[in-house]
Amino acid sequence: MIAILSDTHSRRGHELEGEALIAAREADTVIHAGDFTTETALEAFQNECDRLFAVHGNADEPAVCDRLPTARVVEAGGVRFAVTHRRDGGETGLAMFGRSRGADVVVFGHSHRPTVVETDDLTLLNPGSHADPRGNQPGFATLEERDDGGLEGSIRDPDGTVLESLEIRPA
């Protein structure tokens, strides 16, 4: 399983609970699209997750930014993920960012709004914020490998309620 999170915004720790905590603990790969805010939160994630691939966000303190890249590419489940916190240019900018990295999926954060946008050649995925939704539905995403290739999964509320389902087929 792949767990995808973003926008923790914590001074205390990972702020994971319920199904989000279970997913982070059980996932083979955890992707975080930035804004842990503090090293304490980042280290709490590192202690919870066996394989954490993260980027820093615009609200991360300098010590977090020093430890994490602005963008990265992660290959998991036969799919290529381009990860960033935000990109100027909205959906077009995100799609260009993903295409320039040969990605099947662009994982991003910043808006705290769970979002899935399908383009002709890739998927834009914002899992939302599990801990600081700022007026949006709290969220995180999980993806599982399909027997016939690709991934399927959902964005869910930390209590496990499915907000949106998605399917990803590699190019």
N, C-alpha and C. Protein backbone atom coordinates (compact mmCIF):
# COMPACT_ATOMS: atom_id res chain seq x y z
N MET A 1 0.85 -1.19 0.00
CA MET A 1 0.00 0.00 0.00
C MET A 1 0.88 1.24 0.00
N ILE A 2 0.40 2.28 -0.65
CA ILE A 2 1.03 3.59 -0.66
C ILE A 2 0.09 4.53 0.09
N ALA A 3 0.63 5.25 1.08
CA ALA A 3 -0.15 6.26 1.81
C ALA A 3 0.38 7.63 1.40
N ILE A 4 -0.53 8.57 1.18
CA ILE A 4 -0.15 9.91 0.73
C ILE A 4 -0.79 10.94 1.66
N LEU A 5 0.07 11.82 2.18
CA LEU A 5 -0.38 12.83 3.14
C LEU A 5 0.25 14.18 2.81
N SER A 6 -0.28 15.22 3.45
CA SER A 6 0.28 16.55 3.26
C SER A 6 -0.22 17.47 4.36
N ASP A 7 0.43 18.61 4.48
CA ASP A 7 -0.04 19.73 5.31
C ASP A 7 -0.39 19.33 6.74
N THR A 8 0.59 18.78 7.43
CA THR A 8 0.39 18.39 8.82
C THR A 8 0.33 19.61 9.74
N HIS A 9 1.19 20.59 9.51
CA HIS A 9 1.20 21.84 10.28
C HIS A 9 1.16 21.58 11.79
N SER A 10 2.21 20.95 12.29
CA SER A 10 2.22 20.62 13.72
C SER A 10 3.51 21.05 14.38
N ARG A 11 3.39 21.44 15.62
CA ARG A 11 4.56 21.72 16.46
C ARG A 11 4.80 20.54 17.41
N ARG A 12 3.81 19.63 17.52
CA ARG A 12 3.88 18.56 18.52
C ARG A 12 4.29 17.20 17.96
N GLY A 13 3.82 16.84 16.78
CA GLY A 13 4.09 15.51 16.26
C GLY A 13 3.40 15.27 14.95
N HIS A 14 3.17 14.01 14.61
CA HIS A 14 2.59 13.69 13.30
C HIS A 14 1.09 13.94 13.20
N GLU A 15 0.40 14.04 14.31
CA GLU A 15 -1.04 14.33 14.33
C GLU A 15 -1.87 13.27 13.61
N LEU A 16 -1.30 12.11 13.36
CA LEU A 16 -2.04 11.03 12.71
C LEU A 16 -2.95 10.35 13.72
N GLU A 17 -4.15 10.00 13.26
CA GLU A 17 -5.08 9.24 14.10
C GLU A 17 -5.99 8.41 13.22
N GLY A 18 -6.64 7.46 13.82
CA GLY A 18 -7.60 6.62 13.11
C GLY A 18 -6.99 5.91 11.92
N GLU A 19 -7.72 5.89 10.82
CA GLU A 19 -7.29 5.19 9.61
C GLU A 19 -6.03 5.81 9.00
N ALA A 20 -5.83 7.11 9.18
CA ALA A 20 -4.62 7.74 8.66
C ALA A 20 -3.39 7.20 9.37
N LEU A 21 -3.46 7.00 10.67
CA LEU A 21 -2.35 6.43 11.43
C LEU A 21 -2.09 4.99 11.02
N ILE A 22 -3.15 4.22 10.87
CA ILE A 22 -3.00 2.81 10.44
C ILE A 22 -2.35 2.76 9.06
N ALA A 23 -2.80 3.59 8.14
CA ALA A 23 -2.24 3.60 6.78
C ALA A 23 -0.76 3.97 6.81
N ALA A 24 -0.38 4.98 7.58
CA ALA A 24 1.02 5.40 7.65
C ALA A 24 1.90 4.28 8.22
N ARG A 25 1.38 3.57 9.20
CA ARG A 25 2.16 2.48 9.81
C ARG A 25 2.28 1.26 8.90
N GLU A 26 1.23 0.97 8.14
CA GLU A 26 1.20 -0.26 7.36
C GLU A 26 1.69 -0.10 5.93
N ALA A 27 1.80 1.12 5.44
CA ALA A 27 2.16 1.35 4.04
C ALA A 27 3.59 0.91 3.75
N ASP A 28 3.79 0.38 2.54
CA ASP A 28 5.13 0.08 2.05
C ASP A 28 5.86 1.37 1.71
N THR A 29 5.11 2.36 1.26
CA THR A 29 5.65 3.67 0.88
C THR A 29 4.71 4.75 1.41
N VAL A 30 5.29 5.78 2.05
CA VAL A 30 4.52 6.94 2.49
C VAL A 30 5.11 8.15 1.79
N ILE A 31 4.23 8.90 1.11
CA ILE A 31 4.61 10.14 0.43
C ILE A 31 3.97 11.29 1.19
N HIS A 32 4.76 12.32 1.50
CA HIS A 32 4.23 13.51 2.19
C HIS A 32 4.60 14.74 1.37
N ALA A 33 3.61 15.54 1.04
CA ALA A 33 3.79 16.70 0.16
C ALA A 33 4.08 18.00 0.92
N GLY A 34 4.69 17.89 2.08
CA GLY A 34 5.22 19.08 2.76
C GLY A 34 4.30 19.77 3.73
N ASP A 35 4.89 20.74 4.41
CA ASP A 35 4.32 21.49 5.53
C ASP A 35 4.11 20.60 6.76
N PHE A 36 5.22 20.01 7.20
CA PHE A 36 5.25 19.37 8.52
C PHE A 36 5.21 20.49 9.56
N THR A 37 5.88 21.59 9.29
CA THR A 37 6.10 22.80 10.05
C THR A 37 7.36 22.70 10.91
N THR A 38 7.48 21.65 11.74
CA THR A 38 8.62 21.56 12.65
C THR A 38 9.39 20.25 12.45
N GLU A 39 10.63 20.25 12.94
CA GLU A 39 11.41 19.01 12.94
C GLU A 39 10.75 17.96 13.81
N THR A 40 10.09 18.39 14.87
CA THR A 40 9.38 17.44 15.74
C THR A 40 8.35 16.65 14.95
N ALA A 41 7.58 17.35 14.10
CA ALA A 41 6.57 16.68 13.28
C ALA A 41 7.22 15.77 12.25
N LEU A 42 8.27 16.24 11.58
CA LEU A 42 8.98 15.42 10.60
C LEU A 42 9.53 14.16 11.26
N GLU A 43 10.19 14.30 12.39
CA GLU A 43 10.77 13.15 13.07
C GLU A 43 9.71 12.17 13.56
N ALA A 44 8.56 12.69 13.97
CA ALA A 44 7.46 11.81 14.38
C ALA A 44 7.00 10.96 13.19
N PHE A 45 6.92 11.56 11.99
CA PHE A 45 6.59 10.79 10.79
C PHE A 45 7.66 9.76 10.50
N GLN A 46 8.92 10.16 10.58
CA GLN A 46 10.01 9.23 10.31
C GLN A 46 9.99 8.05 11.27
N ASN A 47 9.59 8.29 12.51
CA ASN A 47 9.51 7.21 13.50
C ASN A 47 8.31 6.29 13.25
N GLU A 48 7.26 6.79 12.64
CA GLU A 48 6.03 6.02 12.38
C GLU A 48 6.10 5.23 11.08
N CYS A 49 6.83 5.75 10.08
CA CYS A 49 6.79 5.22 8.72
C CYS A 49 8.12 4.58 8.35
N ASP A 50 8.06 3.35 7.85
CA ASP A 50 9.29 2.67 7.44
C ASP A 50 9.94 3.34 6.23
N ARG A 51 9.14 3.74 5.25
CA ARG A 51 9.67 4.34 4.03
C ARG A 51 8.94 5.63 3.73
N LEU A 52 9.49 6.74 4.23
CA LEU A 52 8.89 8.07 4.05
C LEU A 52 9.65 8.82 2.97
N PHE A 53 8.91 9.30 1.97
CA PHE A 53 9.46 10.14 0.92
C PHE A 53 8.72 11.48 0.99
N ALA A 54 9.44 12.52 1.39
CA ALA A 54 8.77 13.80 1.65
C ALA A 54 9.50 14.95 0.96
N VAL A 55 8.78 16.03 0.79
CA VAL A 55 9.33 17.30 0.35
C VAL A 55 8.98 18.33 1.41
N HIS A 56 9.66 19.48 1.36
CA HIS A 56 9.29 20.53 2.31
C HIS A 56 8.27 21.46 1.67
N GLY A 57 7.54 22.15 2.52
CA GLY A 57 6.53 23.10 2.07
C GLY A 57 6.90 24.52 2.45
N ASN A 58 6.01 25.45 2.12
CA ASN A 58 6.28 26.86 2.37
C ASN A 58 6.18 27.25 3.84
N ALA A 59 5.55 26.43 4.69
CA ALA A 59 5.41 26.76 6.11
C ALA A 59 6.41 26.00 6.99
N ASP A 60 7.30 25.24 6.37
CA ASP A 60 8.26 24.47 7.14
C ASP A 60 9.37 25.37 7.65
N GLU A 61 9.78 25.11 8.90
CA GLU A 61 10.88 25.88 9.47
C GLU A 61 12.17 25.52 8.73
N PRO A 62 13.18 26.41 8.79
CA PRO A 62 14.42 26.20 8.04
C PRO A 62 15.07 24.83 8.28
N ALA A 63 15.01 24.31 9.49
CA ALA A 63 15.63 23.01 9.78
C ALA A 63 14.97 21.89 8.98
N VAL A 64 13.66 21.99 8.74
CA VAL A 64 12.96 20.99 7.92
C VAL A 64 13.37 21.17 6.45
N CYS A 65 13.41 22.42 6.00
CA CYS A 65 13.79 22.69 4.60
C CYS A 65 15.20 22.20 4.32
N ASP A 66 16.09 22.27 5.30
CA ASP A 66 17.46 21.80 5.12
C ASP A 66 17.52 20.29 4.95
N ARG A 67 16.53 19.58 5.48
CA ARG A 67 16.55 18.11 5.47
C ARG A 67 15.77 17.50 4.30
N LEU A 68 14.91 18.31 3.66
CA LEU A 68 14.03 17.77 2.62
C LEU A 68 14.16 18.58 1.33
N PRO A 69 14.02 17.91 0.18
CA PRO A 69 14.05 18.64 -1.10
C PRO A 69 12.75 19.40 -1.35
N THR A 70 12.80 20.29 -2.31
CA THR A 70 11.61 21.02 -2.74
C THR A 70 10.71 20.13 -3.60
N ALA A 71 11.33 19.23 -4.35
CA ALA A 71 10.61 18.31 -5.24
C ALA A 71 11.39 17.00 -5.30
N ARG A 72 10.67 15.93 -5.62
CA ARG A 72 11.33 14.64 -5.78
C ARG A 72 10.46 13.73 -6.63
N VAL A 73 11.08 12.65 -7.13
CA VAL A 73 10.36 11.62 -7.88
C VAL A 73 10.45 10.33 -7.08
N VAL A 74 9.31 9.65 -6.97
CA VAL A 74 9.22 8.40 -6.23
C VAL A 74 8.58 7.36 -7.15
N GLU A 75 9.18 6.19 -7.24
CA GLU A 75 8.59 5.09 -7.99
C GLU A 75 8.07 4.07 -6.99
N ALA A 76 6.79 3.77 -7.10
CA ALA A 76 6.16 2.80 -6.19
C ALA A 76 4.97 2.17 -6.90
N GLY A 77 4.79 0.88 -6.69
CA GLY A 77 3.65 0.19 -7.28
C GLY A 77 3.61 0.25 -8.79
N GLY A 78 4.78 0.37 -9.43
CA GLY A 78 4.83 0.45 -10.88
C GLY A 78 4.42 1.79 -11.45
N VAL A 79 4.32 2.80 -10.59
CA VAL A 79 3.87 4.14 -10.99
C VAL A 79 4.93 5.15 -10.58
N ARG A 80 5.09 6.17 -11.40
CA ARG A 80 6.07 7.24 -11.13
C ARG A 80 5.33 8.46 -10.58
N PHE A 81 5.71 8.88 -9.37
CA PHE A 81 5.11 10.03 -8.69
C PHE A 81 6.09 11.19 -8.69
N ALA A 82 5.64 12.36 -9.13
CA ALA A 82 6.40 13.60 -8.96
C ALA A 82 5.76 14.32 -7.78
N VAL A 83 6.58 14.69 -6.79
CA VAL A 83 6.05 15.23 -5.54
C VAL A 83 6.57 16.66 -5.35
N THR A 84 5.66 17.56 -5.02
CA THR A 84 6.00 18.94 -4.72
C THR A 84 4.96 19.46 -3.73
N HIS A 85 5.27 20.56 -3.08
CA HIS A 85 4.25 21.13 -2.19
C HIS A 85 3.27 21.97 -3.01
N ARG A 86 3.80 22.83 -3.85
CA ARG A 86 2.95 23.67 -4.70
C ARG A 86 3.72 24.10 -5.93
N ARG A 87 3.00 24.49 -6.93
CA ARG A 87 3.58 24.99 -8.17
C ARG A 87 2.78 26.18 -8.62
N ASP A 88 3.47 27.24 -9.00
CA ASP A 88 2.77 28.37 -9.61
C ASP A 88 2.17 27.88 -10.93
N GLY A 89 1.06 28.47 -11.30
CA GLY A 89 0.42 28.11 -12.55
C GLY A 89 -0.72 27.11 -12.41
N GLY A 90 -1.11 26.82 -11.16
CA GLY A 90 -2.27 25.95 -10.92
C GLY A 90 -2.13 24.59 -11.57
N GLU A 91 -3.23 24.07 -12.08
CA GLU A 91 -3.25 22.74 -12.67
C GLU A 91 -2.29 22.63 -13.85
N THR A 92 -2.20 23.67 -14.65
CA THR A 92 -1.29 23.64 -15.80
C THR A 92 0.16 23.54 -15.32
N GLY A 93 0.52 24.34 -14.31
CA GLY A 93 1.87 24.29 -13.77
C GLY A 93 2.20 22.95 -13.16
N LEU A 94 1.23 22.37 -12.45
CA LEU A 94 1.44 21.04 -11.85
C LEU A 94 1.61 19.98 -12.93
N ALA A 95 0.78 20.04 -13.97
CA ALA A 95 0.88 19.07 -15.06
C ALA A 95 2.23 19.20 -15.77
N MET A 96 2.69 20.42 -16.00
CA MET A 96 3.99 20.62 -16.64
C MET A 96 5.11 20.08 -15.76
N PHE A 97 5.01 20.30 -14.45
CA PHE A 97 5.98 19.77 -13.50
C PHE A 97 6.03 18.24 -13.61
N GLY A 98 4.88 17.59 -13.64
CA GLY A 98 4.82 16.14 -13.74
C GLY A 98 5.36 15.62 -15.06
N ARG A 99 4.95 16.25 -16.15
CA ARG A 99 5.42 15.80 -17.47
C ARG A 99 6.93 15.92 -17.59
N SER A 100 7.50 17.00 -17.03
CA SER A 100 8.95 17.20 -17.13
C SER A 100 9.72 16.13 -16.36
N ARG A 101 9.04 15.40 -15.51
CA ARG A 101 9.67 14.34 -14.73
C ARG A 101 9.19 12.94 -15.13
N GLY A 102 8.44 12.87 -16.22
CA GLY A 102 7.97 11.58 -16.71
C GLY A 102 7.01 10.89 -15.75
N ALA A 103 6.25 11.67 -15.00
CA ALA A 103 5.38 11.13 -13.95
C ALA A 103 4.04 10.66 -14.48
N ASP A 104 3.48 9.71 -13.76
CA ASP A 104 2.10 9.27 -13.97
C ASP A 104 1.16 10.05 -13.04
N VAL A 105 1.70 10.48 -11.89
CA VAL A 105 0.93 11.16 -10.86
C VAL A 105 1.76 12.33 -10.31
N VAL A 106 1.11 13.47 -10.12
CA VAL A 106 1.72 14.58 -9.39
C VAL A 106 1.03 14.65 -8.03
N VAL A 107 1.81 14.51 -6.97
CA VAL A 107 1.30 14.66 -5.61
C VAL A 107 1.68 16.06 -5.15
N PHE A 108 0.68 16.80 -4.65
CA PHE A 108 0.94 18.16 -4.20
C PHE A 108 0.07 18.46 -2.99
N GLY A 109 0.37 19.55 -2.33
CA GLY A 109 -0.39 19.96 -1.15
C GLY A 109 -0.77 21.42 -1.26
N HIS A 110 -0.57 22.14 -0.17
CA HIS A 110 -0.72 23.59 -0.03
C HIS A 110 -2.15 24.07 0.17
N SER A 111 -3.10 23.61 -0.60
CA SER A 111 -4.47 24.14 -0.50
C SER A 111 -5.27 23.51 0.63
N HIS A 112 -4.81 22.40 1.17
CA HIS A 112 -5.51 21.65 2.23
C HIS A 112 -6.83 21.06 1.73
N ARG A 113 -7.05 21.08 0.44
CA ARG A 113 -8.31 20.60 -0.14
C ARG A 113 -8.08 19.28 -0.87
N PRO A 114 -8.70 18.19 -0.42
CA PRO A 114 -8.56 16.92 -1.13
C PRO A 114 -9.04 17.07 -2.58
N THR A 115 -8.16 16.72 -3.53
CA THR A 115 -8.45 16.97 -4.94
C THR A 115 -7.85 15.88 -5.82
N VAL A 116 -8.62 15.45 -6.80
CA VAL A 116 -8.12 14.57 -7.86
C VAL A 116 -8.51 15.19 -9.18
N VAL A 117 -7.52 15.43 -10.03
CA VAL A 117 -7.77 15.97 -11.37
C VAL A 117 -7.12 15.03 -12.37
N GLU A 118 -7.91 14.52 -13.30
CA GLU A 118 -7.40 13.66 -14.37
C GLU A 118 -7.12 14.53 -15.58
N THR A 119 -5.89 14.46 -16.09
CA THR A 119 -5.58 15.11 -17.35
C THR A 119 -5.46 14.01 -18.40
N ASP A 120 -5.09 14.38 -19.62
CA ASP A 120 -4.96 13.38 -20.68
C ASP A 120 -3.89 12.33 -20.36
N ASP A 121 -2.84 12.75 -19.65
CA ASP A 121 -1.70 11.84 -19.50
C ASP A 121 -1.22 11.65 -18.05
N LEU A 122 -1.81 12.33 -17.10
CA LEU A 122 -1.42 12.11 -15.71
C LEU A 122 -2.53 12.52 -14.76
N THR A 123 -2.34 12.15 -13.49
CA THR A 123 -3.30 12.46 -12.44
C THR A 123 -2.67 13.45 -11.48
N LEU A 124 -3.41 14.49 -11.11
CA LEU A 124 -2.98 15.43 -10.08
C LEU A 124 -3.71 15.06 -8.80
N LEU A 125 -2.95 14.83 -7.73
CA LEU A 125 -3.53 14.32 -6.48
C LEU A 125 -3.07 15.16 -5.29
N ASN A 126 -4.02 15.81 -4.65
CA ASN A 126 -3.79 16.49 -3.38
C ASN A 126 -4.58 15.72 -2.33
N PRO A 127 -3.90 15.09 -1.35
CA PRO A 127 -4.63 14.31 -0.36
C PRO A 127 -5.39 15.15 0.66
N GLY A 128 -5.18 16.46 0.64
CA GLY A 128 -5.75 17.31 1.67
C GLY A 128 -4.87 17.27 2.90
N SER A 129 -5.40 17.72 4.00
CA SER A 129 -4.66 17.72 5.27
C SER A 129 -5.39 16.84 6.27
N HIS A 130 -4.68 15.88 6.83
CA HIS A 130 -5.28 15.00 7.85
C HIS A 130 -5.43 15.72 9.18
N ALA A 131 -4.65 16.79 9.40
CA ALA A 131 -4.59 17.41 10.73
C ALA A 131 -5.04 18.86 10.79
N ASP A 132 -5.01 19.57 9.67
CA ASP A 132 -5.31 21.00 9.67
C ASP A 132 -6.08 21.36 8.39
N PRO A 133 -7.33 20.90 8.27
CA PRO A 133 -8.04 21.04 7.00
C PRO A 133 -8.44 22.46 6.61
N ARG A 134 -8.44 23.39 7.55
CA ARG A 134 -8.73 24.80 7.25
C ARG A 134 -10.02 24.99 6.46
N GLY A 135 -11.09 24.43 6.97
CA GLY A 135 -12.40 24.59 6.35
C GLY A 135 -12.71 23.57 5.28
N ASN A 136 -11.76 22.74 4.92
CA ASN A 136 -11.98 21.66 3.96
C ASN A 136 -12.22 20.37 4.72
N GLN A 137 -12.63 19.35 4.01
CA GLN A 137 -12.74 18.01 4.59
C GLN A 137 -11.33 17.52 4.90
N PRO A 138 -11.04 17.01 6.11
CA PRO A 138 -9.71 16.45 6.34
C PRO A 138 -9.51 15.23 5.46
N GLY A 139 -8.27 14.98 5.03
CA GLY A 139 -8.06 13.86 4.14
C GLY A 139 -6.65 13.34 4.06
N PHE A 140 -6.54 12.14 3.54
CA PHE A 140 -5.30 11.48 3.17
C PHE A 140 -5.67 10.46 2.10
N ALA A 141 -4.68 9.95 1.38
CA ALA A 141 -4.98 9.01 0.29
C ALA A 141 -4.25 7.70 0.52
N THR A 142 -4.84 6.63 0.02
CA THR A 142 -4.18 5.33 -0.03
C THR A 142 -4.37 4.74 -1.42
N LEU A 143 -3.35 4.03 -1.88
CA LEU A 143 -3.38 3.39 -3.18
C LEU A 143 -2.87 1.96 -3.03
N GLU A 144 -3.51 1.04 -3.76
CA GLU A 144 -3.11 -0.37 -3.75
C GLU A 144 -2.85 -0.79 -5.19
N GLU A 145 -1.90 -1.71 -5.37
CA GLU A 145 -1.62 -2.24 -6.70
C GLU A 145 -2.79 -3.09 -7.19
N ARG A 146 -3.07 -2.96 -8.49
CA ARG A 146 -4.11 -3.76 -9.14
C ARG A 146 -3.44 -4.98 -9.76
N ASP A 147 -4.18 -6.08 -9.84
CA ASP A 147 -3.66 -7.30 -10.45
C ASP A 147 -3.31 -7.10 -11.93
N ASP A 148 -4.06 -6.22 -12.59
CA ASP A 148 -3.84 -5.99 -14.02
C ASP A 148 -2.94 -4.78 -14.30
N GLY A 149 -2.23 -4.29 -13.29
CA GLY A 149 -1.34 -3.15 -13.44
C GLY A 149 -1.99 -1.86 -12.98
N GLY A 150 -1.19 -0.92 -12.59
CA GLY A 150 -1.69 0.35 -12.11
C GLY A 150 -2.08 0.27 -10.65
N LEU A 151 -2.72 1.34 -10.21
CA LEU A 151 -3.13 1.47 -8.81
C LEU A 151 -4.58 1.89 -8.72
N GLU A 152 -5.21 1.53 -7.62
CA GLU A 152 -6.55 2.05 -7.33
C GLU A 152 -6.58 2.40 -5.85
N GLY A 153 -7.40 3.37 -5.54
CA GLY A 153 -7.47 3.77 -4.14
C GLY A 153 -8.47 4.87 -3.93
N SER A 154 -8.23 5.62 -2.87
CA SER A 154 -9.19 6.66 -2.51
C SER A 154 -8.54 7.72 -1.65
N ILE A 155 -9.21 8.87 -1.64
CA ILE A 155 -8.95 9.88 -0.63
C ILE A 155 -9.98 9.63 0.45
N ARG A 156 -9.52 9.58 1.70
CA ARG A 156 -10.42 9.27 2.81
C ARG A 156 -10.25 10.27 3.95
N ASP A 157 -11.29 10.39 4.71
CA ASP A 157 -11.26 11.12 5.96
C ASP A 157 -10.45 10.27 6.94
N PRO A 158 -9.78 10.86 7.93
CA PRO A 158 -9.04 10.04 8.89
C PRO A 158 -9.89 8.98 9.60
N ASP A 159 -11.21 9.14 9.62
CA ASP A 159 -12.06 8.09 10.21
C ASP A 159 -12.31 6.94 9.25
N GLY A 160 -11.84 7.07 8.00
CA GLY A 160 -11.97 6.00 7.02
C GLY A 160 -13.03 6.24 5.96
N THR A 161 -13.86 7.24 6.12
CA THR A 161 -14.91 7.53 5.13
C THR A 161 -14.28 7.90 3.79
N VAL A 162 -14.70 7.22 2.72
CA VAL A 162 -14.17 7.50 1.39
C VAL A 162 -14.77 8.80 0.88
N LEU A 163 -13.88 9.72 0.49
CA LEU A 163 -14.30 11.01 -0.08
C LEU A 163 -14.32 10.97 -1.60
N GLU A 164 -13.33 10.25 -2.18
CA GLU A 164 -13.25 10.15 -3.63
C GLU A 164 -12.39 8.94 -3.99
N SER A 165 -12.83 8.19 -4.98
CA SER A 165 -12.07 7.03 -5.46
C SER A 165 -11.27 7.43 -6.69
N LEU A 166 -10.16 6.72 -6.91
CA LEU A 166 -9.35 7.02 -8.08
C LEU A 166 -8.65 5.76 -8.58
N GLU A 167 -8.28 5.81 -9.86
CA GLU A 167 -7.58 4.72 -10.51
C GLU A 167 -6.45 5.34 -11.32
N ILE A 168 -5.25 4.73 -11.22
CA ILE A 168 -4.09 5.26 -11.92
C ILE A 168 -3.49 4.17 -12.78
N ARG A 169 -3.33 4.48 -14.05
CA ARG A 169 -2.69 3.54 -14.98
C ARG A 169 -1.40 4.18 -15.46
N PRO A 170 -0.28 3.49 -15.33
CA PRO A 170 0.97 4.07 -15.81
C PRO A 170 0.95 4.23 -17.33
N ALA A 171 1.69 5.22 -17.79
CA ALA A 171 1.74 5.51 -19.23
C ALA A 171 2.41 4.40 -20.01
